[in-house]
Amino acid sequence: MLLTARMADPTGYGRVIRNDRGHVAAVVEQKAGTPEQLAIREANMGIYCYRADLFWKHVDEIRPENPAHEYYLTDMVEILNRAGHHVEALEIDDEREALGINTRLELAEVDRLLRGRKLRELMLEGVTIEKPETVTVDAGVRIGMDTVIEPFAQILGRTTIGENCRIGACSIVQDSEIADEVEIGAFTIVGTSRLERGVHAGPFARLRMENHVEEGAHIGNFVELKKTRMGANAKANHLAYLGDSQIGARVNIGAGTITCNYDGFHKHPTKIGEGAFIGSNSTLVAPIEIGDGAYVGAGSVVTDPVPADALAIGRGRQVVKEDWARKRRALGKK
């Protein structure tokens, strides 16, 4: 038995030749077919079921006597007919169920069909997908009701997304767990991370790998996280790198803050206690611990532990030299 389908355009497929009783008499490949045979629309879809004893008895009779000089498994149809057996065809209604893939163009078409089914399934379940022709969703993804997926987003791998979320345009979410009411801004990348309820990430944020962002936390534009746990309602709203870090609840991370977690040989952790305030443009040299409620002054390089409720300032003292610039300009004119 072989699987067949009647195709609007069977170009490239072997044509199924039937005898007067409706049995399959032969399968003629595209390269070997006559104009009359190539006009047949019933195509071989490349799936066969032979009796094993008959197949192994006759398989040595296949010969590469064809324009391609290849061994055609489809020659078994004529071989079995000559031996007094007959071959049936199971014709499917939808040719798209068994399309062949021989070129990258055909691969892209089959991929489009499969992804289209997934998008249709999600939309019927209550997910809003804007411009679905631009959105990529893998088969294993699960998305809750009333979530909105904006154009050109990619939801990949085994990602799960809860209800009432918004996944921004051109964002990529892969192998991640997204809880209810999470907003992921445009052009944000989330990989192998967990975002709890009400988290806001992006736009232009990168949660690179193995992050856990607790309820209500905010990760803003151009902030990168790697192996970091952000506590509930913590904030890093602008231009920061937080790697190998444990950040407590309600912490505020100022713009330009970085954790220096790599010494050229090993990665080191940073721990920031609950309610701490890290001033803009701070450099936290790991391993380091900032206590609960502590403050780090803007522009500081911090290399030693900061106790709870303390203020750490690690920068050179400002010096102002009156009239220095005017005097320098005057010297330049001489």
Protein backbone atom coordinates (compact mmCIF):
# COMPACT_ATOMS: atom_id res chain seq x y z
CA MET A 1 0.00 0.00 0.00
CA LEU A 2 1.16 3.53 -0.67
CA LEU A 3 -0.13 6.97 0.29
CA THR A 4 -1.36 9.21 -2.53
CA ALA A 5 -3.04 12.59 -3.00
CA ARG A 6 -4.57 14.43 -5.92
CA MET A 7 -2.60 17.65 -6.27
CA ALA A 8 -3.34 20.83 -8.17
CA ASP A 9 0.32 20.87 -9.19
CA PRO A 10 2.09 17.51 -8.74
CA THR A 11 5.32 18.70 -10.36
CA GLY A 12 8.25 16.88 -8.81
CA TYR A 13 6.17 14.00 -7.48
CA GLY A 14 5.89 10.50 -8.91
CA ARG A 15 2.58 9.87 -10.70
CA VAL A 16 0.35 6.98 -9.71
CA ILE A 17 -0.72 4.76 -12.63
CA ARG A 18 -3.79 2.65 -11.94
CA ASN A 19 -5.05 -0.41 -13.84
CA ASP A 20 -8.61 -1.15 -14.91
CA ARG A 21 -9.48 -2.54 -11.49
CA GLY A 22 -8.29 0.57 -9.70
CA HIS A 23 -5.17 -1.04 -8.26
CA VAL A 24 -1.83 0.70 -8.54
CA ALA A 25 0.00 -0.64 -11.57
CA ALA A 26 3.09 1.56 -11.37
CA VAL A 27 4.60 4.76 -10.01
CA VAL A 28 6.35 6.85 -12.64
CA GLU A 29 8.88 9.41 -11.46
CA GLN A 30 8.88 12.97 -12.81
CA LYS A 31 12.08 12.48 -14.81
CA ALA A 32 10.84 9.31 -16.50
CA GLY A 33 7.20 10.19 -17.22
CA THR A 34 5.62 10.72 -20.64
CA PRO A 35 3.54 13.86 -21.20
CA GLU A 36 0.37 11.77 -20.75
CA GLN A 37 1.62 10.27 -17.48
CA LEU A 38 2.78 13.65 -16.15
CA ALA A 39 -0.72 15.01 -16.76
CA ILE A 40 -2.00 12.66 -14.03
CA ARG A 41 -2.74 14.59 -10.85
CA GLU A 42 -2.64 11.67 -8.40
CA ALA A 43 0.81 11.79 -6.82
CA ASN A 44 2.87 9.40 -4.74
CA MET A 45 3.42 11.01 -1.31
CA GLY A 46 6.40 8.81 -0.44
CA ILE A 47 4.89 6.69 2.36
CA TYR A 48 4.66 2.91 1.80
CA CYS A 49 3.52 -0.16 3.69
CA TYR A 50 4.73 -3.46 2.17
CA ARG A 51 4.36 -7.01 3.43
CA ALA A 52 7.81 -7.72 4.81
CA ASP A 53 8.07 -11.24 3.39
CA LEU A 54 7.20 -10.07 -0.14
CA PHE A 55 9.40 -7.00 0.11
CA TRP A 56 12.54 -8.89 1.10
CA LYS A 57 11.82 -11.61 -1.44
CA HIS A 58 11.74 -9.16 -4.36
CA VAL A 59 13.87 -6.21 -3.26
CA ASP A 60 16.93 -7.44 -5.18
CA GLU A 61 14.97 -7.01 -8.40
CA ILE A 62 15.15 -3.22 -8.16
CA ARG A 63 17.57 -1.89 -10.76
CA PRO A 64 18.91 1.64 -11.40
CA GLU A 65 17.54 1.62 -14.93
CA ASN A 66 16.11 5.12 -15.04
CA PRO A 67 17.27 8.61 -16.11
CA ALA A 68 18.64 9.33 -12.63
CA HIS A 69 20.43 5.95 -12.34
CA GLU A 70 19.00 5.55 -8.87
CA TYR A 71 17.35 2.66 -7.02
CA TYR A 72 13.66 3.58 -6.87
CA LEU A 73 11.70 1.99 -4.05
CA THR A 74 8.60 2.73 -6.10
CA ASP A 75 9.71 0.07 -8.63
CA MET A 76 8.43 -2.46 -6.10
CA VAL A 77 4.92 -1.68 -7.33
CA GLU A 78 5.56 -3.08 -10.81
CA ILE A 79 7.72 -5.90 -9.44
CA LEU A 80 4.95 -7.09 -7.14
CA ASN A 81 2.37 -6.79 -9.91
CA ARG A 82 4.50 -8.98 -12.18
CA ALA A 83 4.75 -11.53 -9.36
CA GLY A 84 0.95 -11.80 -9.20
CA HIS A 85 0.30 -9.48 -6.28
CA HIS A 86 -1.48 -6.16 -6.28
CA VAL A 87 -0.84 -2.82 -4.61
CA GLU A 88 -3.55 -0.61 -3.13
CA ALA A 89 -3.46 3.17 -2.69
CA LEU A 90 -4.69 5.09 0.32
CA GLU A 91 -5.69 8.50 -1.03
CA ILE A 92 -5.70 11.36 1.49
CA ASP A 93 -8.01 14.35 1.13
CA ASP A 94 -5.49 17.06 2.01
CA GLU A 95 -2.20 16.96 0.14
CA ARG A 96 -0.66 19.27 2.75
CA GLU A 97 -0.63 16.39 5.25
CA ALA A 98 2.20 14.67 3.36
CA LEU A 99 4.07 17.25 1.32
CA GLY A 100 7.57 16.28 0.24
CA ILE A 101 10.57 18.43 1.19
CA ASN A 102 13.44 18.46 -1.28
CA THR A 103 14.41 22.13 -1.38
CA ARG A 104 14.69 25.00 1.08
CA LEU A 105 11.73 26.61 -0.64
CA GLU A 106 9.58 23.53 0.06
CA LEU A 107 10.86 23.42 3.65
CA ALA A 108 9.82 27.04 4.15
CA GLU A 109 6.35 26.33 2.76
CA VAL A 110 5.79 23.35 5.08
CA ASP A 111 7.07 25.39 8.03
CA ARG A 112 4.60 28.16 7.13
CA LEU A 113 1.71 25.69 7.04
CA LEU A 114 2.55 24.12 10.41
CA ARG A 115 3.06 27.45 12.13
CA GLY A 116 -0.14 28.77 10.60
CA ARG A 117 -2.04 25.94 12.26
CA LYS A 118 -0.48 26.77 15.61
CA LEU A 119 -1.40 30.45 15.31
CA ARG A 120 -4.97 29.57 14.31
CA GLU A 121 -5.25 27.26 17.33
CA LEU A 122 -4.03 29.98 19.69
CA MET A 123 -6.33 32.65 18.26
CA LEU A 124 -9.35 30.34 18.59
CA GLU A 125 -8.36 29.86 22.24
CA GLY A 126 -8.48 33.62 22.90
CA VAL A 127 -4.96 34.85 22.15
CA THR A 128 -4.69 38.07 20.12
CA ILE A 129 -1.96 37.85 17.49
CA GLU A 130 -1.36 41.04 15.56
CA LYS A 131 -0.29 40.48 11.95
CA PRO A 132 -0.05 36.70 12.42
CA GLU A 133 1.74 36.26 9.12
CA THR A 134 4.80 37.87 10.77
CA VAL A 135 4.72 35.97 14.09
CA THR A 136 6.64 32.74 14.80
CA VAL A 137 5.34 30.34 17.48
CA ASP A 138 6.75 26.85 18.00
CA ALA A 139 4.46 23.86 18.37
CA GLY A 140 5.31 23.26 22.05
CA VAL A 141 4.41 26.80 23.17
CA ARG A 142 1.39 27.40 25.44
CA ILE A 143 -0.22 30.86 25.77
CA GLY A 144 -3.10 31.93 28.01
CA MET A 145 -6.28 33.82 27.11
CA ASP A 146 -6.31 37.55 26.41
CA THR A 147 -2.57 37.71 25.89
CA VAL A 148 -1.50 39.92 23.00
CA ILE A 149 1.37 38.99 20.69
CA GLU A 150 2.62 41.95 18.66
CA PRO A 151 4.03 41.74 15.10
CA PHE A 152 7.31 39.94 14.37
CA ALA A 153 7.51 38.35 17.83
CA GLN A 154 9.08 34.88 18.16
CA ILE A 155 7.88 32.50 20.88
CA LEU A 156 10.13 29.47 20.79
CA GLY A 157 10.87 26.11 22.37
CA ARG A 158 8.88 25.04 25.42
CA THR A 159 7.82 28.54 26.48
CA THR A 160 4.64 29.01 28.51
CA ILE A 161 2.92 32.40 28.73
CA GLY A 162 0.09 33.19 31.10
CA GLU A 163 -3.08 35.23 30.68
CA ASN A 164 -3.34 38.98 30.03
CA CYS A 165 0.27 39.35 28.95
CA ARG A 166 1.70 41.46 26.17
CA ILE A 167 4.66 40.29 24.13
CA GLY A 168 6.14 43.26 22.29
CA ALA A 169 6.97 43.59 18.62
CA CYS A 170 10.18 41.90 17.46
CA SER A 171 10.79 40.33 20.87
CA ILE A 172 12.12 36.77 21.24
CA VAL A 173 11.07 34.49 24.11
CA GLN A 174 12.63 31.03 24.26
CA ASP A 175 12.24 28.14 26.72
CA SER A 176 10.90 30.48 29.39
CA GLU A 177 8.05 30.60 31.89
CA ILE A 178 6.01 33.80 31.77
CA ALA A 179 3.30 34.25 34.41
CA ASP A 180 0.04 36.21 34.13
CA GLU A 181 -0.03 39.97 33.43
CA VAL A 182 3.61 40.19 32.31
CA GLU A 183 4.59 42.84 29.79
CA ILE A 184 7.60 42.24 27.57
CA GLY A 185 8.50 45.35 25.61
CA ALA A 186 9.50 45.53 21.98
CA PHE A 187 12.88 44.13 20.90
CA THR A 188 13.39 42.26 24.18
CA ILE A 189 15.10 38.87 24.35
CA VAL A 190 14.18 36.39 27.09
CA GLY A 191 15.97 33.05 27.26
CA THR A 192 15.52 30.18 29.75
CA SER A 193 14.11 32.53 32.36
CA ARG A 194 11.14 32.74 34.71
CA LEU A 195 9.11 35.93 35.02
CA GLU A 196 6.50 36.05 37.78
CA ARG A 197 3.18 37.87 37.75
CA GLY A 198 3.17 41.53 36.80
CA VAL A 199 6.81 41.75 35.71
CA HIS A 200 7.72 44.39 33.15
CA ALA A 201 10.75 43.81 30.94
CA GLY A 202 11.96 45.98 28.09
CA PRO A 203 11.89 47.48 25.61
CA PHE A 204 15.36 46.52 24.36
CA ALA A 205 16.14 44.39 27.42
CA ARG A 206 18.04 41.12 27.39
CA LEU A 207 17.40 38.35 29.91
CA ARG A 208 20.12 36.12 28.64
CA MET A 209 19.86 32.88 30.61
CA GLU A 210 18.63 31.30 33.84
CA ASN A 211 17.06 34.39 35.37
CA HIS A 212 14.23 34.49 37.90
CA VAL A 213 12.35 37.77 38.11
CA GLU A 214 9.92 37.95 40.99
CA GLU A 215 6.47 39.52 41.07
CA GLY A 216 6.18 43.15 40.04
CA ALA A 217 9.85 43.71 39.24
CA HIS A 218 10.83 46.10 36.45
CA ILE A 219 13.67 45.57 33.97
CA GLY A 220 14.00 48.55 31.67
CA ASN A 221 15.55 49.48 28.37
CA PHE A 222 19.08 48.25 27.64
CA VAL A 223 19.28 46.22 30.85
CA GLU A 224 20.91 42.79 30.65
CA LEU A 225 20.44 39.99 33.17
CA LYS A 226 22.39 36.74 33.33
CA LYS A 227 21.81 34.08 36.01
CA THR A 228 20.21 36.73 38.20
CA ARG A 229 17.32 36.68 40.64
CA MET A 230 15.44 39.97 40.91
CA GLY A 231 13.33 40.34 44.04
CA ALA A 232 9.71 41.41 44.11
CA ASN A 233 9.20 45.03 42.98
CA ALA A 234 12.92 45.55 42.41
CA LYS A 235 13.82 47.94 39.60
CA ALA A 236 16.61 48.27 37.09
CA ASN A 237 15.07 50.71 34.65
CA HIS A 238 17.98 51.81 32.45
CA LEU A 239 21.33 50.72 31.04
CA ALA A 240 22.58 48.09 33.49
CA TYR A 241 24.34 44.73 33.49
CA LEU A 242 23.47 42.36 36.34
CA GLY A 243 25.20 38.99 36.16
CA ASP A 244 25.37 36.14 38.69
CA SER A 245 23.44 38.32 41.11
CA GLN A 246 20.86 37.94 43.85
CA ILE A 247 18.92 41.16 44.22
CA GLY A 248 16.44 41.59 47.06
CA ALA A 249 12.93 42.96 47.05
CA ARG A 250 12.39 46.69 46.39
CA VAL A 251 16.00 47.30 45.36
CA ASN A 252 16.59 50.21 43.01
CA ILE A 253 19.42 49.80 40.51
CA GLY A 254 20.51 53.11 39.00
CA ALA A 255 21.29 53.67 35.33
CA GLY A 256 24.73 52.54 34.23
CA THR A 257 25.24 50.06 37.10
CA ILE A 258 27.28 46.95 36.36
CA THR A 259 28.25 43.89 38.34
CA CYS A 260 31.84 42.94 37.56
CA ASN A 261 31.31 39.21 37.90
CA TYR A 262 34.24 37.85 35.86
CA ASP A 263 37.90 38.12 36.84
CA GLY A 264 39.25 36.52 33.69
CA PHE A 265 39.13 33.03 35.14
CA HIS A 266 36.01 32.60 37.30
CA LYS A 267 32.52 34.07 37.75
CA HIS A 268 31.70 35.60 41.14
CA PRO A 269 28.36 36.45 42.80
CA THR A 270 26.87 39.75 43.84
CA LYS A 271 24.24 39.94 46.59
CA ILE A 272 22.15 43.04 47.19
CA GLY A 273 19.85 43.10 50.21
CA GLU A 274 16.23 44.18 50.36
CA GLY A 275 15.46 47.85 49.94
CA ALA A 276 19.01 48.81 48.94
CA PHE A 277 19.63 51.74 46.62
CA ILE A 278 22.41 51.52 44.05
CA GLY A 279 23.26 54.91 42.59
CA SER A 280 23.72 55.53 38.88
CA ASN A 281 26.95 54.46 37.21
CA SER A 282 28.01 52.25 40.10
CA THR A 283 30.52 49.43 39.58
CA LEU A 284 30.08 46.49 41.95
CA VAL A 285 33.21 44.32 41.90
CA ALA A 286 32.24 40.76 42.79
CA PRO A 287 32.30 38.83 44.99
CA ILE A 288 30.50 41.45 47.04
CA GLU A 289 27.51 41.87 49.31
CA ILE A 290 25.42 45.01 49.83
CA GLY A 291 23.33 44.87 52.98
CA ASP A 292 19.61 45.52 53.42
CA GLY A 293 18.66 49.17 53.11
CA ALA A 294 22.19 50.27 52.18
CA TYR A 295 22.98 53.11 49.78
CA VAL A 296 25.76 53.20 47.18
CA GLY A 297 26.59 56.70 45.98
CA ALA A 298 26.41 57.41 42.26
CA GLY A 299 29.61 56.84 40.33
CA SER A 300 31.12 54.56 42.99
CA VAL A 301 33.44 51.61 42.47
CA VAL A 302 32.61 49.26 45.34
CA THR A 303 35.05 46.47 46.19
CA ASP A 304 34.27 45.81 49.87
CA PRO A 305 31.08 44.64 51.60
CA VAL A 306 28.56 47.34 52.54
CA PRO A 307 26.74 46.78 55.87
CA ALA A 308 22.98 47.13 56.18
CA ASP A 309 21.73 50.73 56.21
CA ALA A 310 25.21 52.10 55.45
CA LEU A 311 26.28 54.56 52.76
CA ALA A 312 29.16 53.51 50.51
CA ILE A 313 31.00 56.05 48.38
CA GLY A 314 33.93 54.84 46.30
CA ARG A 315 35.05 57.69 44.05
CA GLY A 316 37.68 60.40 43.84
CA ARG A 317 36.84 63.73 45.53
CA GLN A 318 35.90 66.48 43.09
CA VAL A 319 38.46 69.27 42.70
CA VAL A 320 37.50 72.65 41.19
CA LYS A 321 40.31 74.95 39.99
CA GLU A 322 39.02 78.46 39.42
CA ASP A 323 39.96 80.15 36.10
CA TRP A 324 41.94 77.07 34.94
CA ALA A 325 40.20 76.86 31.56
CA ARG A 326 40.55 80.61 30.86
CA LYS A 327 44.28 80.52 31.65
CA ARG A 328 44.80 77.50 29.43
CA ARG A 329 43.09 79.21 26.50
CA ALA A 330 45.23 82.26 27.01
CA LEU A 331 48.41 80.15 26.92
CA GLY A 332 47.25 78.55 23.70
CA LYS A 333 47.08 81.92 21.95
CA LYS A 334 50.74 82.74 22.61
